[in-house]
């Protein structure tokens, strides 16, 4: 009889939990990266082969500039997406893919963004977190705003896979005024 293995969980919220990258899920990270609908709205539309994905997993998971999390559905403990921060000085760039489409539009991305912001400000001590999102991805923009991001500008992005001119909305969240939903109480309960 096969023993049930539970994922390593760092912390979580009401709907999701975050854990480290896992080599056993490389095929899922690859699948999510290749999903055409997601790639259409991603700022990194590169299509990687499975060998390139394995190499990227090894490189990124050991690079201290990046902080990756696998996103799990809290109820089933199933991986549903991936998120990361790319650090640079006192700031980081945020990115996320909710790879399992049945979890789109249900608050999972917003909660993941809030938890990663909490980690960025409470654990890493960063001053700000930025992101860029295709301006047509209105659901993601709403989720980012609810998580605490504010619009900061627009940049031309060339043409997408349908040869339609696209622009990206840039957004920023500052540590000042951010209220830690989880980690401050876990790490500093008496403050």
N, C-alpha and C. Protein backbone atom coordinates (compact mmCIF):
# COMPACT_ATOMS: atom_id res chain seq x y z
N UNK A 1 0.84 -1.18 0.00
CA UNK A 1 0.00 0.00 0.00
C UNK A 1 0.89 1.25 0.00
N UNK A 2 0.59 2.17 -0.90
CA UNK A 2 1.39 3.38 -1.02
C UNK A 2 1.05 4.35 0.11
N UNK A 3 2.08 4.85 0.76
CA UNK A 3 1.90 5.81 1.85
C UNK A 3 1.58 7.18 1.26
N UNK A 4 0.55 7.84 1.80
CA UNK A 4 0.18 9.17 1.34
C UNK A 4 1.22 10.17 1.82
N UNK A 5 1.71 10.97 0.89
CA UNK A 5 2.73 11.96 1.21
C UNK A 5 2.12 13.35 1.15
N UNK A 6 2.28 14.10 2.20
CA UNK A 6 1.76 15.46 2.24
C UNK A 6 2.86 16.44 1.83
N UNK A 7 2.48 17.52 1.13
CA UNK A 7 3.50 18.50 0.72
C UNK A 7 4.06 19.26 1.92
N UNK A 8 5.26 19.78 1.73
CA UNK A 8 5.85 20.66 2.74
C UNK A 8 5.15 22.00 2.64
N UNK A 9 4.58 22.44 3.75
CA UNK A 9 3.85 23.71 3.77
C UNK A 9 4.61 24.69 4.67
N UNK A 10 4.83 25.87 4.17
CA UNK A 10 5.48 26.92 4.97
C UNK A 10 4.45 27.67 5.80
N UNK A 11 3.37 28.13 5.15
CA UNK A 11 2.29 28.84 5.82
C UNK A 11 1.14 28.99 4.85
N UNK A 12 -0.02 29.43 5.35
CA UNK A 12 -1.17 29.54 4.47
C UNK A 12 -2.22 30.48 4.99
N UNK A 13 -3.27 30.60 4.19
CA UNK A 13 -4.40 31.45 4.52
C UNK A 13 -5.67 30.63 4.59
N UNK A 14 -6.77 31.22 4.17
CA UNK A 14 -8.07 30.55 4.22
C UNK A 14 -8.25 29.53 3.10
N UNK A 15 -7.72 29.83 1.91
CA UNK A 15 -7.94 28.98 0.74
C UNK A 15 -6.69 28.24 0.27
N UNK A 16 -5.54 28.84 0.49
CA UNK A 16 -4.30 28.29 -0.06
C UNK A 16 -3.23 28.14 0.99
N UNK A 17 -2.24 27.34 0.64
CA UNK A 17 -1.03 27.21 1.44
C UNK A 17 0.15 27.33 0.49
N UNK A 18 1.26 27.83 1.01
CA UNK A 18 2.46 28.00 0.21
C UNK A 18 3.55 27.07 0.72
N UNK A 19 4.25 26.46 -0.21
CA UNK A 19 5.37 25.60 0.13
C UNK A 19 6.49 25.81 -0.88
N UNK A 20 7.64 25.18 -0.66
CA UNK A 20 8.77 25.36 -1.57
C UNK A 20 8.53 24.65 -2.91
N UNK A 21 9.37 24.98 -3.89
CA UNK A 21 9.34 24.23 -5.14
C UNK A 21 9.65 22.78 -4.84
N UNK A 22 9.04 21.89 -5.60
CA UNK A 22 9.26 20.45 -5.43
C UNK A 22 9.61 19.85 -6.79
N UNK A 23 10.71 19.11 -6.85
CA UNK A 23 11.13 18.49 -8.10
C UNK A 23 10.04 17.58 -8.66
N UNK A 24 9.27 16.95 -7.80
CA UNK A 24 8.21 16.04 -8.27
C UNK A 24 7.10 16.77 -9.02
N UNK A 25 7.03 18.10 -8.90
CA UNK A 25 6.00 18.87 -9.59
C UNK A 25 6.53 19.60 -10.82
N UNK A 26 7.76 19.31 -11.22
CA UNK A 26 8.33 20.00 -12.38
C UNK A 26 7.43 19.86 -13.60
N UNK A 27 6.81 18.68 -13.77
CA UNK A 27 5.92 18.49 -14.92
C UNK A 27 4.72 19.44 -14.86
N UNK A 28 4.24 19.74 -13.65
CA UNK A 28 3.14 20.69 -13.52
C UNK A 28 3.59 22.12 -13.82
N UNK A 29 4.76 22.51 -13.28
CA UNK A 29 5.28 23.84 -13.57
C UNK A 29 5.43 24.01 -15.08
N UNK A 30 5.91 22.97 -15.73
CA UNK A 30 6.09 22.98 -17.18
C UNK A 30 4.73 23.13 -17.88
N UNK A 31 3.76 22.33 -17.45
CA UNK A 31 2.42 22.38 -18.04
C UNK A 31 1.83 23.79 -17.89
N UNK A 32 1.93 24.34 -16.69
CA UNK A 32 1.36 25.67 -16.45
C UNK A 32 2.06 26.73 -17.29
N UNK A 33 3.37 26.61 -17.44
CA UNK A 33 4.13 27.57 -18.23
C UNK A 33 3.74 27.51 -19.70
N UNK A 34 3.35 26.33 -20.15
CA UNK A 34 3.02 26.15 -21.57
C UNK A 34 1.55 26.42 -21.89
N UNK A 35 0.73 26.57 -20.91
CA UNK A 35 -0.69 26.78 -21.15
C UNK A 35 -0.88 28.04 -22.00
N UNK A 36 -1.48 27.89 -23.15
CA UNK A 36 -1.60 29.00 -24.09
C UNK A 36 -2.36 30.19 -23.52
N UNK A 37 -3.46 29.93 -22.84
CA UNK A 37 -4.26 31.02 -22.30
C UNK A 37 -3.44 31.82 -21.29
N UNK A 38 -2.71 31.12 -20.43
CA UNK A 38 -1.89 31.82 -19.44
C UNK A 38 -0.73 32.54 -20.12
N UNK A 39 -0.10 31.88 -21.09
CA UNK A 39 1.04 32.49 -21.77
C UNK A 39 0.62 33.77 -22.49
N UNK A 40 -0.63 33.82 -22.96
CA UNK A 40 -1.12 35.00 -23.66
C UNK A 40 -1.11 36.22 -22.75
N UNK A 41 -1.34 36.02 -21.45
CA UNK A 41 -1.37 37.12 -20.50
C UNK A 41 -0.11 37.23 -19.67
N UNK A 42 0.89 36.42 -19.97
CA UNK A 42 2.12 36.42 -19.18
C UNK A 42 3.13 37.37 -19.78
N UNK A 43 4.00 37.92 -18.93
CA UNK A 43 5.07 38.76 -19.45
C UNK A 43 6.27 37.92 -19.87
N UNK A 44 6.19 36.60 -19.68
CA UNK A 44 7.26 35.68 -20.07
C UNK A 44 6.65 34.57 -20.93
N UNK A 45 6.33 34.84 -22.20
CA UNK A 45 5.61 33.88 -23.02
C UNK A 45 6.50 32.77 -23.61
N UNK A 46 7.75 32.66 -23.19
CA UNK A 46 8.64 31.64 -23.73
C UNK A 46 8.05 30.25 -23.51
N UNK A 47 8.17 29.41 -24.53
CA UNK A 47 7.71 28.03 -24.44
C UNK A 47 8.95 27.16 -24.25
N UNK A 48 9.06 26.55 -23.09
CA UNK A 48 10.23 25.74 -22.76
C UNK A 48 9.99 24.27 -23.02
N UNK A 49 11.03 23.57 -23.48
CA UNK A 49 10.94 22.12 -23.58
C UNK A 49 11.02 21.53 -22.17
N UNK A 50 10.68 20.26 -22.01
CA UNK A 50 10.72 19.66 -20.67
C UNK A 50 12.15 19.63 -20.14
N UNK A 51 13.14 19.43 -21.01
CA UNK A 51 14.54 19.46 -20.57
C UNK A 51 14.93 20.85 -20.10
N UNK A 52 14.51 21.88 -20.83
CA UNK A 52 14.79 23.26 -20.42
C UNK A 52 14.10 23.58 -19.11
N UNK A 53 12.87 23.05 -18.92
CA UNK A 53 12.15 23.27 -17.67
C UNK A 53 12.89 22.62 -16.50
N UNK A 54 13.39 21.39 -16.70
CA UNK A 54 14.16 20.72 -15.63
C UNK A 54 15.42 21.52 -15.29
N UNK A 55 16.11 22.00 -16.33
CA UNK A 55 17.31 22.80 -16.10
C UNK A 55 16.96 24.11 -15.37
N UNK A 56 15.86 24.74 -15.78
CA UNK A 56 15.43 25.98 -15.14
C UNK A 56 15.06 25.72 -13.68
N UNK A 57 14.39 24.60 -13.41
CA UNK A 57 14.03 24.27 -12.03
C UNK A 57 15.28 24.19 -11.17
N UNK A 58 16.30 23.48 -11.65
CA UNK A 58 17.53 23.35 -10.88
C UNK A 58 18.22 24.70 -10.68
N UNK A 59 18.26 25.51 -11.74
CA UNK A 59 18.92 26.81 -11.65
C UNK A 59 18.17 27.77 -10.73
N UNK A 60 16.86 27.92 -10.97
CA UNK A 60 16.09 28.88 -10.19
C UNK A 60 15.92 28.47 -8.74
N UNK A 61 15.74 27.17 -8.48
CA UNK A 61 15.50 26.75 -7.10
C UNK A 61 16.73 26.93 -6.23
N UNK A 62 17.90 27.09 -6.84
CA UNK A 62 19.11 27.29 -6.04
C UNK A 62 19.63 28.73 -6.12
N UNK A 63 18.96 29.60 -6.86
CA UNK A 63 19.39 30.98 -7.02
C UNK A 63 18.82 31.84 -5.89
N UNK A 64 19.69 32.44 -5.04
CA UNK A 64 19.18 33.21 -3.90
C UNK A 64 18.45 34.49 -4.30
N UNK A 65 18.54 34.90 -5.55
CA UNK A 65 17.83 36.08 -6.02
C UNK A 65 16.32 35.81 -6.11
N UNK A 66 15.94 34.54 -6.23
CA UNK A 66 14.55 34.16 -6.38
C UNK A 66 14.02 33.49 -5.13
N UNK A 67 12.76 33.77 -4.81
CA UNK A 67 12.04 33.07 -3.75
C UNK A 67 10.79 32.50 -4.41
N UNK A 68 10.75 31.18 -4.54
CA UNK A 68 9.63 30.50 -5.18
C UNK A 68 8.74 29.84 -4.16
N UNK A 69 7.46 29.76 -4.49
CA UNK A 69 6.51 28.99 -3.71
C UNK A 69 5.62 28.20 -4.65
N UNK A 70 5.33 26.97 -4.27
CA UNK A 70 4.26 26.22 -4.91
C UNK A 70 2.98 26.60 -4.16
N UNK A 71 1.92 26.84 -4.90
CA UNK A 71 0.64 27.20 -4.30
C UNK A 71 -0.21 25.94 -4.24
N UNK A 72 -0.72 25.64 -3.04
CA UNK A 72 -1.56 24.46 -2.84
C UNK A 72 -2.97 24.87 -2.45
N UNK A 73 -3.95 24.12 -2.95
CA UNK A 73 -5.31 24.25 -2.45
C UNK A 73 -5.31 23.72 -1.02
N UNK A 74 -5.77 24.51 -0.09
CA UNK A 74 -5.71 24.14 1.33
C UNK A 74 -6.53 22.89 1.63
N UNK A 75 -7.66 22.75 0.99
CA UNK A 75 -8.55 21.62 1.29
C UNK A 75 -7.98 20.28 0.80
N UNK A 76 -7.47 20.26 -0.44
CA UNK A 76 -7.03 18.99 -1.03
C UNK A 76 -5.53 18.76 -0.94
N UNK A 77 -4.78 19.82 -0.61
CA UNK A 77 -3.30 19.78 -0.59
C UNK A 77 -2.72 19.54 -1.98
N UNK A 78 -3.50 19.79 -3.02
CA UNK A 78 -3.05 19.63 -4.40
C UNK A 78 -2.36 20.90 -4.87
N UNK A 79 -1.26 20.77 -5.63
CA UNK A 79 -0.62 21.96 -6.19
C UNK A 79 -1.51 22.57 -7.27
N UNK A 80 -1.70 23.88 -7.21
CA UNK A 80 -2.56 24.56 -8.18
C UNK A 80 -1.85 25.69 -8.91
N UNK A 81 -0.62 26.04 -8.49
CA UNK A 81 0.07 27.14 -9.14
C UNK A 81 1.45 27.36 -8.56
N UNK A 82 2.07 28.39 -9.05
CA UNK A 82 3.42 28.74 -8.64
C UNK A 82 3.51 30.26 -8.57
N UNK A 83 4.32 30.76 -7.65
CA UNK A 83 4.52 32.20 -7.52
C UNK A 83 5.96 32.44 -7.09
N UNK A 84 6.46 33.62 -7.40
CA UNK A 84 7.83 33.93 -6.98
C UNK A 84 8.07 35.42 -6.85
N UNK A 85 9.13 35.71 -6.12
CA UNK A 85 9.69 37.05 -6.03
C UNK A 85 11.08 36.99 -6.63
N UNK A 86 11.41 37.97 -7.45
CA UNK A 86 12.79 38.13 -7.95
C UNK A 86 13.34 39.37 -7.27
N UNK A 87 14.27 39.12 -6.35
CA UNK A 87 14.79 40.21 -5.51
C UNK A 87 15.88 41.01 -6.19
N UNK A 88 15.89 42.30 -5.84
CA UNK A 88 16.93 43.22 -6.29
C UNK A 88 16.99 44.39 -5.34
N UNK A 89 17.96 44.40 -4.45
CA UNK A 89 18.06 45.48 -3.46
C UNK A 89 16.91 45.44 -2.48
N UNK A 90 16.28 46.60 -2.29
CA UNK A 90 15.18 46.71 -1.32
C UNK A 90 13.83 46.40 -1.93
N UNK A 91 13.81 45.87 -3.15
CA UNK A 91 12.54 45.57 -3.79
C UNK A 91 12.59 44.22 -4.48
N UNK A 92 11.44 43.78 -4.95
CA UNK A 92 11.35 42.52 -5.69
C UNK A 92 10.23 42.65 -6.71
N UNK A 93 10.34 41.85 -7.76
CA UNK A 93 9.26 41.74 -8.73
C UNK A 93 8.48 40.47 -8.43
N UNK A 94 7.17 40.57 -8.46
CA UNK A 94 6.26 39.47 -8.15
C UNK A 94 5.70 38.88 -9.43
N UNK A 95 5.55 37.57 -9.46
CA UNK A 95 4.88 36.89 -10.57
C UNK A 95 4.11 35.70 -10.02
N UNK A 96 3.05 35.32 -10.71
CA UNK A 96 2.20 34.22 -10.26
C UNK A 96 1.51 33.57 -11.45
N UNK A 97 1.32 32.27 -11.35
CA UNK A 97 0.46 31.53 -12.27
C UNK A 97 -0.42 30.62 -11.42
N UNK A 98 -1.72 30.83 -11.50
CA UNK A 98 -2.65 29.83 -10.98
C UNK A 98 -2.88 28.90 -12.16
N UNK A 99 -2.18 27.78 -12.15
CA UNK A 99 -2.14 26.90 -13.31
C UNK A 99 -3.36 26.05 -13.53
N UNK A 100 -4.09 25.76 -12.48
CA UNK A 100 -5.28 24.93 -12.60
C UNK A 100 -6.49 25.85 -12.78
N UNK A 101 -7.08 25.81 -13.99
CA UNK A 101 -8.10 26.80 -14.36
C UNK A 101 -9.34 26.76 -13.46
N UNK A 102 -9.66 25.64 -12.84
CA UNK A 102 -10.85 25.59 -11.99
C UNK A 102 -10.71 26.48 -10.75
N UNK A 103 -9.49 26.98 -10.50
CA UNK A 103 -9.26 27.87 -9.36
C UNK A 103 -9.19 29.34 -9.77
N UNK A 104 -9.41 29.63 -11.05
CA UNK A 104 -9.41 31.01 -11.53
C UNK A 104 -10.68 31.72 -11.07
N UNK A 105 -10.54 33.01 -10.75
CA UNK A 105 -11.70 33.83 -10.43
C UNK A 105 -12.36 33.52 -9.10
N UNK A 106 -11.66 32.83 -8.22
CA UNK A 106 -12.26 32.43 -6.94
C UNK A 106 -11.47 32.94 -5.74
N UNK A 107 -10.57 33.91 -5.96
CA UNK A 107 -9.84 34.52 -4.86
C UNK A 107 -8.52 33.85 -4.49
N UNK A 108 -8.15 32.79 -5.18
CA UNK A 108 -6.91 32.09 -4.87
C UNK A 108 -5.69 32.94 -5.23
N UNK A 109 -5.73 33.62 -6.37
CA UNK A 109 -4.62 34.48 -6.77
C UNK A 109 -4.45 35.66 -5.85
N UNK A 110 -5.56 36.27 -5.44
CA UNK A 110 -5.50 37.39 -4.50
C UNK A 110 -4.87 36.94 -3.19
N UNK A 111 -5.33 35.81 -2.66
CA UNK A 111 -4.78 35.36 -1.39
C UNK A 111 -3.30 35.00 -1.52
N UNK A 112 -2.92 34.37 -2.62
CA UNK A 112 -1.50 34.06 -2.84
C UNK A 112 -0.68 35.34 -2.89
N UNK A 113 -1.18 36.36 -3.59
CA UNK A 113 -0.46 37.63 -3.67
C UNK A 113 -0.31 38.25 -2.28
N UNK A 114 -1.37 38.22 -1.48
CA UNK A 114 -1.29 38.77 -0.12
C UNK A 114 -0.24 38.03 0.72
N UNK A 115 -0.23 36.71 0.62
CA UNK A 115 0.71 35.92 1.42
C UNK A 115 2.15 36.13 0.98
N UNK A 116 2.36 36.29 -0.32
CA UNK A 116 3.72 36.54 -0.81
C UNK A 116 4.17 37.95 -0.42
N UNK A 117 3.26 38.92 -0.49
CA UNK A 117 3.59 40.27 -0.01
C UNK A 117 3.95 40.22 1.48
N UNK A 118 3.20 39.47 2.24
CA UNK A 118 3.48 39.31 3.67
C UNK A 118 4.89 38.76 3.87
N UNK A 119 5.27 37.77 3.10
CA UNK A 119 6.62 37.20 3.19
C UNK A 119 7.67 38.25 2.79
N UNK A 120 7.39 38.97 1.70
CA UNK A 120 8.34 39.98 1.21
C UNK A 120 8.61 41.05 2.25
N UNK A 121 7.57 41.53 2.92
CA UNK A 121 7.73 42.63 3.86
C UNK A 121 8.09 42.17 5.27
N UNK A 122 7.49 41.08 5.73
CA UNK A 122 7.69 40.64 7.11
C UNK A 122 8.96 39.83 7.29
N UNK A 123 9.25 38.94 6.33
CA UNK A 123 10.42 38.05 6.45
C UNK A 123 11.64 38.65 5.77
N UNK A 124 11.48 39.11 4.53
CA UNK A 124 12.62 39.63 3.77
C UNK A 124 12.92 41.09 4.08
N UNK A 125 11.97 41.81 4.65
CA UNK A 125 12.19 43.22 4.98
C UNK A 125 12.28 44.13 3.78
N UNK A 126 11.65 43.76 2.67
CA UNK A 126 11.69 44.59 1.47
C UNK A 126 10.85 45.85 1.65
N UNK A 127 11.19 46.89 0.89
CA UNK A 127 10.46 48.15 0.95
C UNK A 127 9.28 48.19 -0.02
N UNK A 128 9.41 47.48 -1.14
CA UNK A 128 8.35 47.51 -2.15
C UNK A 128 8.44 46.27 -3.03
N UNK A 129 7.27 45.94 -3.61
CA UNK A 129 7.16 44.82 -4.55
C UNK A 129 6.43 45.34 -5.78
N UNK A 130 6.94 45.02 -6.94
CA UNK A 130 6.35 45.48 -8.20
C UNK A 130 5.88 44.28 -9.02
N UNK A 131 5.08 44.56 -10.03
CA UNK A 131 4.68 43.54 -11.00
C UNK A 131 4.30 44.22 -12.29
N UNK A 132 4.22 43.43 -13.34
CA UNK A 132 3.72 43.89 -14.63
C UNK A 132 2.70 42.86 -15.11
N UNK A 133 1.57 43.35 -15.59
CA UNK A 133 0.48 42.47 -16.03
C UNK A 133 -0.11 43.03 -17.32
N UNK A 134 -0.48 42.14 -18.23
CA UNK A 134 -1.13 42.56 -19.46
C UNK A 134 -2.39 43.33 -19.08
N UNK A 135 -2.56 44.52 -19.64
CA UNK A 135 -3.69 45.37 -19.24
C UNK A 135 -5.04 44.77 -19.60
N UNK A 136 -5.07 43.74 -20.46
CA UNK A 136 -6.33 43.07 -20.79
C UNK A 136 -6.72 42.02 -19.75
N UNK A 137 -5.82 41.69 -18.86
CA UNK A 137 -6.08 40.67 -17.84
C UNK A 137 -6.74 41.34 -16.63
N UNK A 138 -7.98 41.73 -16.83
CA UNK A 138 -8.68 42.53 -15.82
C UNK A 138 -8.93 41.76 -14.52
N UNK A 139 -9.13 40.45 -14.61
CA UNK A 139 -9.34 39.66 -13.39
C UNK A 139 -8.09 39.70 -12.51
N UNK A 140 -6.93 39.55 -13.12
CA UNK A 140 -5.68 39.60 -12.34
C UNK A 140 -5.47 40.99 -11.75
N UNK A 141 -5.76 42.01 -12.53
CA UNK A 141 -5.59 43.39 -12.04
C UNK A 141 -6.47 43.64 -10.82
N UNK A 142 -7.73 43.19 -10.88
CA UNK A 142 -8.62 43.33 -9.71
C UNK A 142 -8.05 42.60 -8.50
N UNK A 143 -7.54 41.38 -8.72
CA UNK A 143 -6.97 40.59 -7.61
C UNK A 143 -5.76 41.30 -7.01
N UNK A 144 -4.89 41.83 -7.86
CA UNK A 144 -3.70 42.54 -7.37
C UNK A 144 -4.08 43.78 -6.57
N UNK A 145 -5.07 44.51 -7.05
CA UNK A 145 -5.51 45.70 -6.32
C UNK A 145 -6.08 45.31 -4.96
N UNK A 146 -6.87 44.25 -4.90
CA UNK A 146 -7.42 43.79 -3.62
C UNK A 146 -6.31 43.34 -2.67
N UNK A 147 -5.22 42.82 -3.22
CA UNK A 147 -4.10 42.36 -2.40
C UNK A 147 -3.26 43.52 -1.87
N UNK A 148 -3.41 44.72 -2.45
CA UNK A 148 -2.67 45.88 -1.96
C UNK A 148 -1.82 46.59 -2.99
N UNK A 149 -1.77 46.10 -4.23
CA UNK A 149 -1.00 46.77 -5.28
C UNK A 149 -1.75 47.99 -5.79
N UNK A 150 -0.98 49.00 -6.20
CA UNK A 150 -1.53 50.22 -6.81
C UNK A 150 -0.93 50.35 -8.21
N UNK A 151 -1.70 50.93 -9.13
CA UNK A 151 -1.20 51.18 -10.48
C UNK A 151 -0.03 52.15 -10.41
N UNK A 152 1.00 51.88 -11.24
CA UNK A 152 2.15 52.79 -11.24
C UNK A 152 2.56 53.24 -12.64
N UNK A 153 1.99 52.67 -13.69
CA UNK A 153 2.32 53.11 -15.04
C UNK A 153 1.93 52.07 -16.07
N UNK A 154 2.24 52.40 -17.33
CA UNK A 154 1.98 51.49 -18.44
C UNK A 154 3.20 51.46 -19.33
N UNK A 155 3.46 50.27 -19.88
CA UNK A 155 4.58 50.12 -20.81
C UNK A 155 4.11 49.33 -22.03
N UNK A 156 4.66 49.69 -23.20
CA UNK A 156 4.35 48.94 -24.42
C UNK A 156 4.98 47.57 -24.31
N UNK A 157 4.27 46.58 -24.84
CA UNK A 157 4.73 45.20 -24.73
C UNK A 157 4.87 44.54 -26.09
N UNK A 158 4.75 45.30 -27.18
CA UNK A 158 4.84 44.72 -28.50
C UNK A 158 3.53 44.08 -28.89
N UNK A 159 3.63 42.93 -29.55
CA UNK A 159 2.44 42.22 -30.03
C UNK A 159 2.39 40.84 -29.38
N UNK A 160 1.16 40.42 -29.06
CA UNK A 160 1.00 39.11 -28.42
C UNK A 160 0.96 38.01 -29.48
N UNK A 161 0.66 36.79 -29.05
CA UNK A 161 0.66 35.65 -29.95
C UNK A 161 -0.41 35.74 -31.03
N UNK A 162 -1.43 36.59 -30.85
CA UNK A 162 -2.46 36.81 -31.86
C UNK A 162 -2.15 38.04 -32.71
N UNK A 163 -0.92 38.58 -32.59
CA UNK A 163 -0.46 39.75 -33.31
C UNK A 163 -1.27 41.00 -32.96
N UNK A 164 -1.78 41.05 -31.74
CA UNK A 164 -2.52 42.21 -31.26
C UNK A 164 -1.57 43.01 -30.38
N UNK A 165 -1.51 44.33 -30.62
CA UNK A 165 -0.64 45.17 -29.81
C UNK A 165 -1.08 45.12 -28.36
N UNK A 166 -0.12 44.94 -27.49
CA UNK A 166 -0.48 44.85 -26.07
C UNK A 166 0.38 45.80 -25.24
N UNK A 167 -0.18 46.16 -24.10
CA UNK A 167 0.54 46.99 -23.14
C UNK A 167 0.43 46.34 -21.78
N UNK A 168 1.41 46.64 -20.95
CA UNK A 168 1.39 46.12 -19.60
C UNK A 168 1.15 47.25 -18.61
N UNK A 169 0.35 46.93 -17.62
CA UNK A 169 0.15 47.81 -16.49
C UNK A 169 1.21 47.44 -15.46
N UNK A 170 1.94 48.42 -14.97
CA UNK A 170 2.88 48.15 -13.89
C UNK A 170 2.20 48.55 -12.58
N UNK A 171 2.48 47.77 -11.55
CA UNK A 171 1.85 47.99 -10.25
C UNK A 171 2.91 47.89 -9.16
N UNK A 172 2.62 48.51 -8.01
CA UNK A 172 3.57 48.52 -6.91
C UNK A 172 2.81 48.42 -5.58
N UNK A 173 3.44 47.76 -4.63
CA UNK A 173 2.93 47.72 -3.26
C UNK A 173 4.08 48.08 -2.34
N UNK A 174 3.87 49.04 -1.46
CA UNK A 174 4.89 49.48 -0.51
C UNK A 174 4.68 48.81 0.83
N UNK A 175 5.77 48.55 1.53
CA UNK A 175 5.68 47.92 2.85
C UNK A 175 4.99 48.85 3.85
N UNK A 176 5.22 50.15 3.68
CA UNK A 176 4.60 51.13 4.59
C UNK A 176 3.08 51.05 4.43
N UNK A 177 2.42 50.78 5.51
CA UNK A 177 0.97 50.68 5.48
C UNK A 177 0.43 49.28 5.20
N UNK A 178 1.31 48.35 4.81
CA UNK A 178 0.85 46.98 4.55
C UNK A 178 0.60 46.28 5.89
N UNK A 179 -0.56 45.67 6.03
CA UNK A 179 -0.91 44.95 7.25
C UNK A 179 -0.67 43.46 7.04
N UNK A 180 0.25 42.90 7.79
CA UNK A 180 0.57 41.48 7.70
C UNK A 180 -0.64 40.62 8.09
N UNK A 181 -1.16 39.79 7.14
CA UNK A 181 -2.32 38.98 7.48
C UNK A 181 -1.98 37.73 8.31
N UNK A 182 -0.73 37.25 8.26
CA UNK A 182 -0.38 35.97 8.90
C UNK A 182 0.95 36.02 9.64
N UNK A 183 2.01 36.37 8.93
CA UNK A 183 3.37 36.12 9.42
C UNK A 183 3.78 36.96 10.63
N UNK A 184 3.32 38.19 10.71
CA UNK A 184 3.72 39.02 11.86
C UNK A 184 3.30 38.35 13.16
N UNK A 185 2.07 37.83 13.22
CA UNK A 185 1.59 37.16 14.42
C UNK A 185 2.31 35.84 14.66
N UNK A 186 2.68 35.13 13.59
CA UNK A 186 3.39 33.86 13.76
C UNK A 186 4.82 34.08 14.23
N UNK A 187 5.50 35.07 13.63
CA UNK A 187 6.92 35.28 13.90
C UNK A 187 7.18 36.20 15.08
N UNK A 188 6.30 37.16 15.28
CA UNK A 188 6.49 38.16 16.33
C UNK A 188 5.20 38.31 17.14
N UNK A 189 4.78 37.29 17.87
CA UNK A 189 3.47 37.33 18.53
C UNK A 189 3.33 38.38 19.63
N UNK A 190 4.43 38.83 20.18
CA UNK A 190 4.35 39.78 21.29
C UNK A 190 4.58 41.22 20.88
N UNK A 191 4.65 41.49 19.60
CA UNK A 191 4.92 42.86 19.13
C UNK A 191 3.64 43.50 18.69
